[in-house]
Amino acid sequence: MACTKSVHPLALAITIQPNRTTAATGDTITFTTEVQGGQIVNVTIHFGDGEEDFYNTNYARTATLQFRHAYAAPGTFDVDAVVLDAVAGAKADTVQVVVN
């Protein structure tokens, strides 16, 4: 009798957490994203000031990634992290940061 094991996809999920939600202009903020899914293709982060970053996850099932960004101007920014999964589509999470 042969033994077989099925691997079921994880539910698509993403969270984004900054190391701080307020900063001075020019200070670096680190955004940690945790993602899970069936076949994660990539994670893109939009910093809310026209800049973005991207990481190719090569079809991983889980990943914890850190993105760093320094804002050149003061303001309130909505930071969106988007996970793209080859099977389950896309999902996003948003956090707001204030730069003085």
Protein backbone atom coordinates (compact mmCIF):
# COMPACT_ATOMS: atom_id res chain seq x y z
CA MET A 1 0.00 0.00 0.00
CA ALA A 2 1.42 3.36 -1.04
CA CYS A 3 1.21 6.37 1.21
CA THR A 4 0.15 9.65 -0.38
CA LYS A 5 0.07 13.07 1.13
CA SER A 6 -1.99 15.97 -0.16
CA VAL A 7 -0.93 19.53 0.49
CA HIS A 8 -3.92 21.82 0.57
CA PRO A 9 -3.43 25.51 -0.21
CA LEU A 10 -3.43 27.86 2.73
CA ALA A 11 -6.08 30.56 2.78
CA LEU A 12 -4.75 33.69 1.09
CA ALA A 13 -3.80 36.26 3.73
CA ILE A 14 -1.55 39.28 4.19
CA THR A 15 -0.74 41.60 7.08
CA ILE A 16 1.45 44.69 7.11
CA GLN A 17 2.99 46.16 10.25
CA PRO A 18 5.27 49.23 10.38
CA ASN A 19 7.92 49.49 13.09
CA ARG A 20 6.36 52.91 13.81
CA THR A 21 3.37 54.87 12.54
CA THR A 22 4.91 58.33 12.92
CA ALA A 23 8.30 59.50 11.71
CA ALA A 24 10.25 62.59 10.75
CA THR A 25 10.92 63.40 7.10
CA GLY A 26 13.91 61.34 5.95
CA ASP A 27 13.62 58.72 8.71
CA THR A 28 13.38 55.11 7.56
CA ILE A 29 10.26 53.11 8.40
CA THR A 30 10.43 49.31 8.21
CA PHE A 31 7.25 47.56 7.06
CA THR A 32 7.01 43.84 7.88
CA THR A 33 4.58 41.83 5.76
CA GLU A 34 3.47 38.30 6.53
CA VAL A 35 1.77 36.41 3.70
CA GLN A 36 0.37 32.95 3.13
CA GLY A 37 -1.38 31.23 0.25
CA GLY A 38 -1.23 28.31 -2.14
CA GLN A 39 1.33 29.55 -4.66
CA ILE A 40 2.44 33.08 -3.78
CA VAL A 41 3.89 34.78 -6.85
CA ASN A 42 4.95 38.11 -5.35
CA VAL A 43 4.33 40.87 -2.85
CA THR A 44 4.15 44.53 -3.86
CA ILE A 45 4.10 47.45 -1.44
CA HIS A 46 2.85 50.91 -2.40
CA PHE A 47 4.20 53.51 0.03
CA GLY A 48 1.53 56.12 -0.73
CA ASP A 49 3.96 58.72 -2.05
CA GLY A 50 4.27 57.35 -5.59
CA GLU A 51 7.04 54.90 -4.68
CA GLU A 52 6.69 51.12 -4.54
CA ASP A 53 8.77 48.00 -3.97
CA PHE A 54 8.36 44.39 -5.03
CA TYR A 55 9.54 40.94 -3.96
CA ASN A 56 9.25 37.75 -6.03
CA THR A 57 8.39 34.84 -3.70
CA ASN A 58 8.79 32.03 -6.29
CA TYR A 59 5.49 30.28 -5.44
CA ALA A 60 6.17 29.98 -1.71
CA ARG A 61 3.30 29.07 0.63
CA THR A 62 4.37 31.53 3.34
CA ALA A 63 6.78 34.45 3.58
CA THR A 64 7.78 37.17 6.02
CA LEU A 65 9.28 40.16 4.24
CA GLN A 66 10.64 43.52 5.32
CA PHE A 67 10.46 46.64 3.16
CA ARG A 68 12.20 49.89 4.16
CA HIS A 69 11.21 53.36 3.03
CA ALA A 70 12.09 56.96 3.89
CA TYR A 71 9.61 59.69 3.01
CA ALA A 72 10.99 62.87 1.43
CA ALA A 73 8.02 65.06 2.38
CA PRO A 74 5.67 65.33 5.33
CA GLY A 75 2.12 64.01 5.11
CA THR A 76 -0.24 61.18 5.95
CA PHE A 77 0.32 58.14 3.76
CA ASP A 78 -1.78 55.01 3.17
CA VAL A 79 0.65 52.12 2.65
CA ASP A 80 -0.80 49.16 0.74
CA ALA A 81 0.77 45.70 0.61
CA VAL A 82 -0.61 43.34 -2.04
CA VAL A 83 0.03 39.60 -2.28
CA LEU A 84 -0.52 37.88 -5.64
CA ASP A 85 -1.24 34.16 -5.57
CA ALA A 86 -1.26 32.01 -8.74
CA VAL A 87 -4.37 30.15 -7.57
CA ALA A 88 -6.29 32.46 -5.22
CA GLY A 89 -5.78 35.86 -6.88
CA ALA A 90 -4.80 38.96 -4.94
CA LYS A 91 -5.38 40.31 -1.44
CA ALA A 92 -4.27 43.56 0.20
CA ASP A 93 -3.76 45.11 3.61
CA THR A 94 -3.34 48.82 4.39
CA VAL A 95 -1.72 50.78 7.19
CA GLN A 96 -1.44 54.54 7.63
CA VAL A 97 1.74 56.40 8.59
CA VAL A 98 2.25 60.07 9.43
CA VAL A 99 5.46 61.86 8.47
CA ASN A 100 6.23 65.22 10.11
